[in-house]
Structures are given as structure tokens and as C-alpha cells.
Amino acid sequence: MTVGVSVLLMYVILVAVMLVLSLAVIDESFLRSEVMHPVGFGDYLRLAWLSASMGTLAGALGSNFDSADAVREATYSRRYHQRRELFETYQEERSGA
């Protein structure tokens, strides 16, 4: 339940951020010329929802194509990997001796 609420809250925050950004970046006259009808707050809200949903879906699909090593490499620094390799080498030397 906690994970579900957290994911929902993060999605709502993402939509809110996209809404603020769309209001700040996209001029009303430009949006009106693209959608070809008078523009209201609901149009900006739908645009924010669409962009947040597409971004979330693209991120979820893209994450499935990464290997565990690629995720680990992106998540942890190179120095962390060097320390792990040194530690594993040390453990192998101790167990072999």
C-alpha cells in the first residue's frame, strides 16, 4: 500500500510540475493555433497529463532494455565499483590462502 501511494503521489507531483512548466513555456496564442479552439486551463492540464504519462511510459519501457550491469553502472559511481573489485579480490585472496 505504501509503495502504491508513493508512486501515485510522485505521478501527481510530476503532472503538477509539467502543468507549471507548460503554463510558463507555452504561450496561449501558440496553443490556440495548434489545437484550433479557444484555450483554457483544462487544455494545459490535459497537456501536462499527456506529457507526464508519455514520459512515464517511455521511462518504464526504456528501463526494461537495460541490463543489471548497466543500471548498476548508472546508479553507482566508478569509485564504488573499484572498491567492490578490490574488496572481492581481497576476499578471494583470504579464502584461497
PDB file of N, CA and C in Angstrom:
ATOM      1  N   MET A   1       0.814  -1.183   0.000  1.00  0.00           N
ATOM      2  CA  MET A   1       0.000   0.000   0.000  1.00  0.00           C
ATOM      3  C   MET A   1       0.867   1.259   0.000  1.00  0.00           C
ATOM      4  N   THR A   2       1.951   1.235   0.788  1.00  0.00           N
ATOM      5  CA  THR A   2       2.845   2.391   0.871  1.00  0.00           C
ATOM      6  C   THR A   2       3.491   2.673  -0.476  1.00  0.00           C
ATOM      7  N   VAL A   3       3.921   1.632  -1.160  1.00  0.00           N
ATOM      8  CA  VAL A   3       4.550   1.809  -2.464  1.00  0.00           C
ATOM      9  C   VAL A   3       3.546   2.377  -3.466  1.00  0.00           C
ATOM     10  N   GLY A   4       2.335   1.867  -3.448  1.00  0.00           N
ATOM     11  CA  GLY A   4       1.303   2.356  -4.361  1.00  0.00           C
ATOM     12  C   GLY A   4       0.982   3.823  -4.131  1.00  0.00           C
ATOM     13  N   VAL A   5       0.849   4.214  -2.869  1.00  0.00           N
ATOM     14  CA  VAL A   5       0.574   5.618  -2.541  1.00  0.00           C
ATOM     15  C   VAL A   5       1.751   6.488  -2.958  1.00  0.00           C
ATOM     16  N   SER A   6       2.964   6.002  -2.722  1.00  0.00           N
ATOM     17  CA  SER A   6       4.159   6.761  -3.099  1.00  0.00           C
ATOM     18  C   SER A   6       4.237   6.964  -4.607  1.00  0.00           C
ATOM     19  N   VAL A   7       3.971   5.922  -5.365  1.00  0.00           N
ATOM     20  CA  VAL A   7       4.001   6.022  -6.820  1.00  0.00           C
ATOM     21  C   VAL A   7       2.923   6.990  -7.308  1.00  0.00           C
ATOM     22  N   LEU A   8       1.739   6.897  -6.758  1.00  0.00           N
ATOM     23  CA  LEU A   8       0.658   7.808  -7.136  1.00  0.00           C
ATOM     24  C   LEU A   8       1.013   9.257  -6.800  1.00  0.00           C
ATOM     25  N   LEU A   9       1.586   9.475  -5.635  1.00  0.00           N
ATOM     26  CA  LEU A   9       1.983  10.816  -5.227  1.00  0.00           C
ATOM     27  C   LEU A   9       3.068  11.371  -6.145  1.00  0.00           C
ATOM     28  N   MET A  10       4.037  10.553  -6.506  1.00  0.00           N
ATOM     29  CA  MET A  10       5.089  11.012  -7.419  1.00  0.00           C
ATOM     30  C   MET A  10       4.510  11.347  -8.789  1.00  0.00           C
ATOM     31  N   TYR A  11       3.545  10.575  -9.238  1.00  0.00           N
ATOM     32  CA  TYR A  11       2.910  10.852 -10.529  1.00  0.00           C
ATOM     33  C   TYR A  11       2.136  12.161 -10.478  1.00  0.00           C
ATOM     34  N   VAL A  12       1.413  12.390  -9.394  1.00  0.00           N
ATOM     35  CA  VAL A  12       0.657  13.641  -9.240  1.00  0.00           C
ATOM     36  C   VAL A  12       1.620  14.833  -9.199  1.00  0.00           C
ATOM     37  N   ILE A  13       2.729  14.678  -8.506  1.00  0.00           N
ATOM     38  CA  ILE A  13       3.734  15.743  -8.464  1.00  0.00           C
ATOM     39  C   ILE A  13       4.309  15.984  -9.853  1.00  0.00           C
ATOM     40  N   LEU A  14       4.559  14.917 -10.604  1.00  0.00           N
ATOM     41  CA  LEU A  14       5.069  15.059 -11.962  1.00  0.00           C
ATOM     42  C   LEU A  14       4.079  15.805 -12.850  1.00  0.00           C
ATOM     43  N   VAL A  15       2.806  15.473 -12.744  1.00  0.00           N
ATOM     44  CA  VAL A  15       1.783  16.181 -13.526  1.00  0.00           C
ATOM     45  C   VAL A  15       1.745  17.651 -13.118  1.00  0.00           C
ATOM     46  N   ALA A  16       1.850  17.936 -11.819  1.00  0.00           N
ATOM     47  CA  ALA A  16       1.833  19.319 -11.348  1.00  0.00           C
ATOM     48  C   ALA A  16       3.030  20.099 -11.876  1.00  0.00           C
ATOM     49  N   VAL A  17       4.196  19.478 -11.865  1.00  0.00           N
ATOM     50  CA  VAL A  17       5.395  20.138 -12.400  1.00  0.00           C
ATOM     51  C   VAL A  17       5.236  20.390 -13.894  1.00  0.00           C
ATOM     52  N   MET A  18       4.737  19.405 -14.614  1.00  0.00           N
ATOM     53  CA  MET A  18       4.527  19.584 -16.052  1.00  0.00           C
ATOM     54  C   MET A  18       3.492  20.669 -16.329  1.00  0.00           C
ATOM     55  N   LEU A  19       2.485  20.780 -15.477  1.00  0.00           N
ATOM     56  CA  LEU A  19       1.471  21.828 -15.629  1.00  0.00           C
ATOM     57  C   LEU A  19       2.099  23.211 -15.452  1.00  0.00           C
ATOM     58  N   VAL A  20       2.888  23.366 -14.421  1.00  0.00           N
ATOM     59  CA  VAL A  20       3.548  24.653 -14.179  1.00  0.00           C
ATOM     60  C   VAL A  20       4.472  24.997 -15.341  1.00  0.00           C
ATOM     61  N   LEU A  21       5.231  24.008 -15.803  1.00  0.00           N
ATOM     62  CA  LEU A  21       6.142  24.259 -16.920  1.00  0.00           C
ATOM     63  C   LEU A  21       5.390  24.585 -18.205  1.00  0.00           C
ATOM     64  N   SER A  22       4.298  23.885 -18.455  1.00  0.00           N
ATOM     65  CA  SER A  22       3.549  24.176 -19.678  1.00  0.00           C
ATOM     66  C   SER A  22       2.923  25.569 -19.621  1.00  0.00           C
ATOM     67  N   LEU A  23       2.447  25.978 -18.455  1.00  0.00           N
ATOM     68  CA  LEU A  23       1.900  27.329 -18.309  1.00  0.00           C
ATOM     69  C   LEU A  23       2.980  28.384 -18.496  1.00  0.00           C
ATOM     70  N   ALA A  24       4.201  28.080 -18.058  1.00  0.00           N
ATOM     71  CA  ALA A  24       5.286  29.047 -18.157  1.00  0.00           C
ATOM     72  C   ALA A  24       5.889  29.112 -19.556  1.00  0.00           C
ATOM     73  N   VAL A  25       5.899  28.005 -20.270  1.00  0.00           N
ATOM     74  CA  VAL A  25       6.632  27.937 -21.538  1.00  0.00           C
ATOM     75  C   VAL A  25       5.735  28.130 -22.756  1.00  0.00           C
ATOM     76  N   ILE A  26       4.557  27.545 -22.738  1.00  0.00           N
ATOM     77  CA  ILE A  26       3.709  27.553 -23.933  1.00  0.00           C
ATOM     78  C   ILE A  26       2.749  28.739 -23.886  1.00  0.00           C
ATOM     79  N   ASP A  27       2.907  29.621 -24.837  1.00  0.00           N
ATOM     80  CA  ASP A  27       2.052  30.793 -24.940  1.00  0.00           C
ATOM     81  C   ASP A  27       0.638  30.373 -25.334  1.00  0.00           C
ATOM     82  N   GLU A  28      -0.343  31.056 -24.781  1.00  0.00           N
ATOM     83  CA  GLU A  28      -1.741  30.709 -25.048  1.00  0.00           C
ATOM     84  C   GLU A  28      -2.083  30.837 -26.533  1.00  0.00           C
ATOM     85  N   SER A  29      -1.560  31.852 -27.197  1.00  0.00           N
ATOM     86  CA  SER A  29      -1.867  32.040 -28.621  1.00  0.00           C
ATOM     87  C   SER A  29      -1.277  30.916 -29.475  1.00  0.00           C
ATOM     88  N   PHE A  30      -0.094  30.443 -29.091  1.00  0.00           N
ATOM     89  CA  PHE A  30       0.501  29.323 -29.827  1.00  0.00           C
ATOM     90  C   PHE A  30      -0.330  28.058 -29.646  1.00  0.00           C
ATOM     91  N   LEU A  31      -0.723  27.776 -28.410  1.00  0.00           N
ATOM     92  CA  LEU A  31      -1.520  26.576 -28.153  1.00  0.00           C
ATOM     93  C   LEU A  31      -2.873  26.661 -28.856  1.00  0.00           C
ATOM     94  N   ARG A  32      -3.461  27.846 -28.861  1.00  0.00           N
ATOM     95  CA  ARG A  32      -4.750  28.031 -29.547  1.00  0.00           C
ATOM     96  C   ARG A  32      -4.605  27.765 -31.043  1.00  0.00           C
ATOM     97  N   SER A  33      -3.481  28.201 -31.648  1.00  0.00           N
ATOM     98  CA  SER A  33      -3.286  27.960 -33.081  1.00  0.00           C
ATOM     99  C   SER A  33      -3.049  26.476 -33.378  1.00  0.00           C
ATOM    100  N   GLU A  34      -2.518  25.746 -32.421  1.00  0.00           N
ATOM    101  CA  GLU A  34      -2.263  24.318 -32.625  1.00  0.00           C
ATOM    102  C   GLU A  34      -3.506  23.465 -32.429  1.00  0.00           C
ATOM    103  N   VAL A  35      -4.291  23.770 -31.415  1.00  0.00           N
ATOM    104  CA  VAL A  35      -5.480  22.954 -31.143  1.00  0.00           C
ATOM    105  C   VAL A  35      -6.720  23.471 -31.852  1.00  0.00           C
ATOM    106  N   MET A  36      -6.626  24.664 -32.393  1.00  0.00           N
ATOM    107  CA  MET A  36      -7.676  25.276 -33.215  1.00  0.00           C
ATOM    108  C   MET A  36      -9.006  25.450 -32.481  1.00  0.00           C
ATOM    109  N   HIS A  37      -8.940  25.803 -31.209  1.00  0.00           N
ATOM    110  CA  HIS A  37     -10.123  26.194 -30.452  1.00  0.00           C
ATOM    111  C   HIS A  37      -9.654  27.054 -29.280  1.00  0.00           C
ATOM    112  N   PRO A  38     -10.548  27.796 -28.657  1.00  0.00           N
ATOM    113  CA  PRO A  38     -10.141  28.613 -27.510  1.00  0.00           C
ATOM    114  C   PRO A  38      -9.514  27.754 -26.412  1.00  0.00           C
ATOM    115  N   VAL A  39      -8.461  28.273 -25.820  1.00  0.00           N
ATOM    116  CA  VAL A  39      -7.674  27.503 -24.856  1.00  0.00           C
ATOM    117  C   VAL A  39      -8.042  27.923 -23.438  1.00  0.00           C
ATOM    118  N   GLY A  40      -8.196  26.928 -22.581  1.00  0.00           N
ATOM    119  CA  GLY A  40      -8.458  27.168 -21.164  1.00  0.00           C
ATOM    120  C   GLY A  40      -7.474  26.392 -20.303  1.00  0.00           C
ATOM    121  N   PHE A  41      -7.681  26.469 -19.002  1.00  0.00           N
ATOM    122  CA  PHE A  41      -6.820  25.768 -18.052  1.00  0.00           C
ATOM    123  C   PHE A  41      -6.859  24.260 -18.279  1.00  0.00           C
ATOM    124  N   GLY A  42      -8.006  23.736 -18.654  1.00  0.00           N
ATOM    125  CA  GLY A  42      -8.149  22.297 -18.901  1.00  0.00           C
ATOM    126  C   GLY A  42      -7.251  21.799 -20.017  1.00  0.00           C
ATOM    127  N   ASP A  43      -7.026  22.645 -21.027  1.00  0.00           N
ATOM    128  CA  ASP A  43      -6.124  22.244 -22.116  1.00  0.00           C
ATOM    129  C   ASP A  43      -4.698  22.096 -21.607  1.00  0.00           C
ATOM    130  N   TYR A  44      -4.278  23.022 -20.763  1.00  0.00           N
ATOM    131  CA  TYR A  44      -2.939  22.916 -20.169  1.00  0.00           C
ATOM    132  C   TYR A  44      -2.840  21.707 -19.247  1.00  0.00           C
ATOM    133  N   LEU A  45      -3.910  21.421 -18.527  1.00  0.00           N
ATOM    134  CA  LEU A  45      -3.928  20.257 -17.639  1.00  0.00           C
ATOM    135  C   LEU A  45      -3.848  18.960 -18.448  1.00  0.00           C
ATOM    136  N   ARG A  46      -4.601  18.881 -19.546  1.00  0.00           N
ATOM    137  CA  ARG A  46      -4.531  17.688 -20.401  1.00  0.00           C
ATOM    138  C   ARG A  46      -3.149  17.539 -21.029  1.00  0.00           C
ATOM    139  N   LEU A  47      -2.543  18.642 -21.405  1.00  0.00           N
ATOM    140  CA  LEU A  47      -1.191  18.600 -21.971  1.00  0.00           C
ATOM    141  C   LEU A  47      -0.186  18.111 -20.930  1.00  0.00           C
ATOM    142  N   ALA A  48      -0.323  18.585 -19.702  1.00  0.00           N
ATOM    143  CA  ALA A  48       0.565  18.139 -18.624  1.00  0.00           C
ATOM    144  C   ALA A  48       0.362  16.656 -18.340  1.00  0.00           C
ATOM    145  N   TRP A  49      -0.889  16.209 -18.300  1.00  0.00           N
ATOM    146  CA  TRP A  49      -1.177  14.792 -18.066  1.00  0.00           C
ATOM    147  C   TRP A  49      -0.598  13.927 -19.186  1.00  0.00           C
ATOM    148  N   LEU A  50      -0.774  14.372 -20.441  1.00  0.00           N
ATOM    149  CA  LEU A  50      -0.259  13.612 -21.575  1.00  0.00           C
ATOM    150  C   LEU A  50       1.258  13.519 -21.534  1.00  0.00           C
ATOM    151  N   SER A  51       1.931  14.627 -21.279  1.00  0.00           N
ATOM    152  CA  SER A  51       3.390  14.597 -21.269  1.00  0.00           C
ATOM    153  C   SER A  51       3.930  13.768 -20.104  1.00  0.00           C
ATOM    154  N   ALA A  52       3.303  13.860 -18.937  1.00  0.00           N
ATOM    155  CA  ALA A  52       3.733  13.055 -17.793  1.00  0.00           C
ATOM    156  C   ALA A  52       3.503  11.568 -18.055  1.00  0.00           C
ATOM    157  N   SER A  53       2.369  11.241 -18.658  1.00  0.00           N
ATOM    158  CA  SER A  53       2.065   9.836 -18.949  1.00  0.00           C
ATOM    159  C   SER A  53       3.004   9.262 -19.992  1.00  0.00           C
ATOM    160  N   MET A  54       3.258  10.020 -21.048  1.00  0.00           N
ATOM    161  CA  MET A  54       4.169   9.536 -22.092  1.00  0.00           C
ATOM    162  C   MET A  54       5.593   9.395 -21.557  1.00  0.00           C
ATOM    163  N   GLY A  55       6.018  10.342 -20.736  1.00  0.00           N
ATOM    164  CA  GLY A  55       7.351  10.247 -20.137  1.00  0.00           C
ATOM    165  C   GLY A  55       7.493   9.060 -19.216  1.00  0.00           C
ATOM    166  N   THR A  56       6.460   8.810 -18.422  1.00  0.00           N
ATOM    167  CA  THR A  56       6.476   7.663 -17.512  1.00  0.00           C
ATOM    168  C   THR A  56       6.503   6.353 -18.286  1.00  0.00           C
ATOM    169  N   LEU A  57       5.683   6.258 -19.315  1.00  0.00           N
ATOM    170  CA  LEU A  57       5.650   5.054 -20.137  1.00  0.00           C
ATOM    171  C   LEU A  57       6.980   4.836 -20.855  1.00  0.00           C
ATOM    172  N   ALA A  58       7.539   5.894 -21.420  1.00  0.00           N
ATOM    173  CA  ALA A  58       8.826   5.765 -22.110  1.00  0.00           C
ATOM    174  C   ALA A  58       9.929   5.354 -21.146  1.00  0.00           C
ATOM    175  N   GLY A  59       9.914   5.908 -19.946  1.00  0.00           N
ATOM    176  CA  GLY A  59      10.906   5.522 -18.949  1.00  0.00           C
ATOM    177  C   GLY A  59      10.762   4.076 -18.521  1.00  0.00           C
ATOM    178  N   ALA A  60       9.516   3.635 -18.359  1.00  0.00           N
ATOM    179  CA  ALA A  60       9.285   2.238 -17.964  1.00  0.00           C
ATOM    180  C   ALA A  60       9.720   1.281 -19.068  1.00  0.00           C
ATOM    181  N   LEU A  61       9.400   1.604 -20.298  1.00  0.00           N
ATOM    182  CA  LEU A  61       9.818   0.740 -21.409  1.00  0.00           C
ATOM    183  C   LEU A  61      11.331   0.751 -21.580  1.00  0.00           C
ATOM    184  N   GLY A  62      11.919   1.919 -21.472  1.00  0.00           N
ATOM    185  CA  GLY A  62      13.367   2.031 -21.635  1.00  0.00           C
ATOM    186  C   GLY A  62      14.139   1.312 -20.550  1.00  0.00           C
ATOM    187  N   SER A  63      13.602   1.305 -19.341  1.00  0.00           N
ATOM    188  CA  SER A  63      14.310   0.641 -18.247  1.00  0.00           C
ATOM    189  C   SER A  63      14.339  -0.865 -18.426  1.00  0.00           C
ATOM    190  N   ASN A  64      13.419  -1.422 -19.182  1.00  0.00           N
ATOM    191  CA  ASN A  64      13.407  -2.864 -19.420  1.00  0.00           C
ATOM    192  C   ASN A  64      14.517  -3.305 -20.365  1.00  0.00           C
ATOM    193  N   PHE A  65      15.072  -2.378 -21.126  1.00  0.00           N
ATOM    194  CA  PHE A  65      16.112  -2.738 -22.087  1.00  0.00           C
ATOM    195  C   PHE A  65      17.512  -2.665 -21.494  1.00  0.00           C
ATOM    196  N   ASP A  66      17.636  -2.155 -20.285  1.00  0.00           N
ATOM    197  CA  ASP A  66      18.937  -2.058 -19.643  1.00  0.00           C
ATOM    198  C   ASP A  66      19.251  -3.339 -18.886  1.00  0.00           C
ATOM    199  N   SER A  67      20.511  -3.740 -18.951  1.00  0.00           N
ATOM    200  CA  SER A  67      20.935  -4.900 -18.181  1.00  0.00           C
ATOM    201  C   SER A  67      21.168  -4.477 -16.735  1.00  0.00           C
ATOM    202  N   ALA A  68      21.264  -5.437 -15.863  1.00  0.00           N
ATOM    203  CA  ALA A  68      21.510  -5.134 -14.451  1.00  0.00           C
ATOM    204  C   ALA A  68      22.846  -4.424 -14.285  1.00  0.00           C
ATOM    205  N   ASP A  69      23.833  -4.804 -15.086  1.00  0.00           N
ATOM    206  CA  ASP A  69      25.143  -4.149 -15.013  1.00  0.00           C
ATOM    207  C   ASP A  69      25.062  -2.692 -15.452  1.00  0.00           C
ATOM    208  N   ALA A  70      24.275  -2.407 -16.474  1.00  0.00           N
ATOM    209  CA  ALA A  70      24.134  -1.030 -16.948  1.00  0.00           C
ATOM    210  C   ALA A  70      23.432  -0.175 -15.900  1.00  0.00           C
ATOM    211  N   VAL A  71      22.419  -0.734 -15.242  1.00  0.00           N
ATOM    212  CA  VAL A  71      21.724   0.006 -14.189  1.00  0.00           C
ATOM    213  C   VAL A  71      22.668   0.254 -13.024  1.00  0.00           C
ATOM    214  N   ARG A  72      23.421  -0.753 -12.647  1.00  0.00           N
ATOM    215  CA  ARG A  72      24.383  -0.610 -11.563  1.00  0.00           C
ATOM    216  C   ARG A  72      25.438   0.435 -11.905  1.00  0.00           C
ATOM    217  N   GLU A  73      25.899   0.432 -13.128  1.00  0.00           N
ATOM    218  CA  GLU A  73      26.909   1.395 -13.571  1.00  0.00           C
ATOM    219  C   GLU A  73      26.346   2.814 -13.532  1.00  0.00           C
ATOM    220  N   ALA A  74      25.100   2.992 -13.919  1.00  0.00           N
ATOM    221  CA  ALA A  74      24.495   4.320 -13.898  1.00  0.00           C
ATOM    222  C   ALA A  74      24.168   4.765 -12.479  1.00  0.00           C
ATOM    223  N   THR A  75      23.879   3.814 -11.611  1.00  0.00           N
ATOM    224  CA  THR A  75      23.463   4.145 -10.255  1.00  0.00           C
ATOM    225  C   THR A  75      24.645   4.452  -9.346  1.00  0.00           C
ATOM    226  N   TYR A  76      25.672   3.648  -9.438  1.00  0.00           N
ATOM    227  CA  TYR A  76      26.814   3.803  -8.535  1.00  0.00           C
ATOM    228  C   TYR A  76      27.985   4.414  -9.282  1.00  0.00           C
ATOM    229  N   SER A  77      28.825   5.082  -8.545  1.00  0.00           N
ATOM    230  CA  SER A  77      29.978   5.746  -9.146  1.00  0.00           C
ATOM    231  C   SER A  77      31.065   4.736  -9.501  1.00  0.00           C
ATOM    232  N   ARG A  78      31.967   5.192 -10.321  1.00  0.00           N
ATOM    233  CA  ARG A  78      33.100   4.346 -10.724  1.00  0.00           C
ATOM    234  C   ARG A  78      33.949   3.975  -9.509  1.00  0.00           C
ATOM    235  N   ARG A  79      34.101   4.900  -8.572  1.00  0.00           N
ATOM    236  CA  ARG A  79      34.906   4.630  -7.382  1.00  0.00           C
ATOM    237  C   ARG A  79      34.286   3.495  -6.559  1.00  0.00           C
ATOM    238  N   TYR A  80      32.976   3.443  -6.487  1.00  0.00           N
ATOM    239  CA  TYR A  80      32.301   2.364  -5.776  1.00  0.00           C
ATOM    240  C   TYR A  80      32.656   1.014  -6.410  1.00  0.00           C
ATOM    241  N   HIS A  81      32.622   0.960  -7.730  1.00  0.00           N
ATOM    242  CA  HIS A  81      32.969  -0.289  -8.415  1.00  0.00           C
ATOM    243  C   HIS A  81      34.418  -0.683  -8.155  1.00  0.00           C
ATOM    244  N   GLN A  82      35.300   0.289  -8.132  1.00  0.00           N
ATOM    245  CA  GLN A  82      36.705  -0.015  -7.851  1.00  0.00           C
ATOM    246  C   GLN A  82      36.859  -0.580  -6.439  1.00  0.00           C
ATOM    247  N   ARG A  83      36.167   0.006  -5.468  1.00  0.00           N
ATOM    248  CA  ARG A  83      36.241  -0.508  -4.103  1.00  0.00           C
ATOM    249  C   ARG A  83      35.672  -1.923  -4.017  1.00  0.00           C
ATOM    250  N   ARG A  84      34.553  -2.190  -4.723  1.00  0.00           N
ATOM    251  CA  ARG A  84      33.979  -3.535  -4.709  1.00  0.00           C
ATOM    252  C   ARG A  84      34.939  -4.551  -5.317  1.00  0.00           C
ATOM    253  N   GLU A  85      35.578  -4.183  -6.419  1.00  0.00           N
ATOM    254  CA  GLU A  85      36.525  -5.093  -7.059  1.00  0.00           C
ATOM    255  C   GLU A  85      37.708  -5.366  -6.137  1.00  0.00           C
ATOM    256  N   LEU A  86      38.220  -4.343  -5.467  1.00  0.00           N
ATOM    257  CA  LEU A  86      39.320  -4.538  -4.526  1.00  0.00           C
ATOM    258  C   LEU A  86      38.890  -5.425  -3.369  1.00  0.00           C
ATOM    259  N   PHE A  87      37.698  -5.198  -2.862  1.00  0.00           N
ATOM    260  CA  PHE A  87      37.194  -5.994  -1.744  1.00  0.00           C
ATOM    261  C   PHE A  87      37.018  -7.453  -2.154  1.00  0.00           C
ATOM    262  N   GLU A  88      36.455  -7.682  -3.345  1.00  0.00           N
ATOM    263  CA  GLU A  88      36.263  -9.053  -3.816  1.00  0.00           C
ATOM    264  C   GLU A  88      37.600  -9.740  -4.038  1.00  0.00           C
ATOM    265  N   THR A  89      38.578  -9.018  -4.573  1.00  0.00           N
ATOM    266  CA  THR A  89      39.915  -9.585  -4.760  1.00  0.00           C
ATOM    267  C   THR A  89      40.523  -9.934  -3.407  1.00  0.00           C
ATOM    268  N   TYR A  90      40.355  -9.045  -2.437  1.00  0.00           N
ATOM    269  CA  TYR A  90      40.872  -9.281  -1.092  1.00  0.00           C
ATOM    270  C   TYR A  90      40.215 -10.510  -0.478  1.00  0.00           C
ATOM    271  N   GLN A  91      38.886 -10.634  -0.631  1.00  0.00           N
ATOM    272  CA  GLN A  91      38.167 -11.783  -0.088  1.00  0.00           C
ATOM    273  C   GLN A  91      38.627 -13.080  -0.747  1.00  0.00           C
ATOM    274  N   GLU A  92      38.850 -13.058  -2.057  1.00  0.00           N
ATOM    275  CA  GLU A  92      39.314 -14.250  -2.762  1.00  0.00           C
ATOM    276  C   GLU A  92      40.701 -14.653  -2.303  1.00  0.00           C
ATOM    277  N   GLU A  93      41.574 -13.674  -2.081  1.00  0.00           N
ATOM    278  CA  GLU A  93      42.935 -13.971  -1.616  1.00  0.00           C
ATOM    279  C   GLU A  93      42.897 -14.560  -0.207  1.00  0.00           C
ATOM    280  N   ARG A  94      42.035 -14.029   0.652  1.00  0.00           N
ATOM    281  CA  ARG A  94      41.935 -14.547   2.023  1.00  0.00           C
ATOM    282  C   ARG A  94      41.366 -15.953   2.049  1.00  0.00           C
ATOM    283  N   SER A  95      40.379 -16.217   1.225  1.00  0.00           N
ATOM    284  CA  SER A  95      39.768 -17.543   1.248  1.00  0.00           C
ATOM    285  C   SER A  95      40.671 -18.583   0.583  1.00  0.00           C
ATOM    286  N   GLY A  96      41.505 -18.150  -0.357  1.00  0.00           N
ATOM    287  CA  GLY A  96      42.400 -19.059  -1.042  1.00  0.00           C
ATOM    288  C   GLY A  96      43.670 -19.334  -0.256  1.00  0.00           C
ATOM    289  N   ALA A  97      44.003 -18.467   0.706  1.00  0.00           N
ATOM    290  CA  ALA A  97      45.276 -18.593   1.440  1.00  0.00           C
ATOM    291  C   ALA A  97      45.185 -19.517   2.610  1.00  0.00           C
TER     292      ALA A  97
END
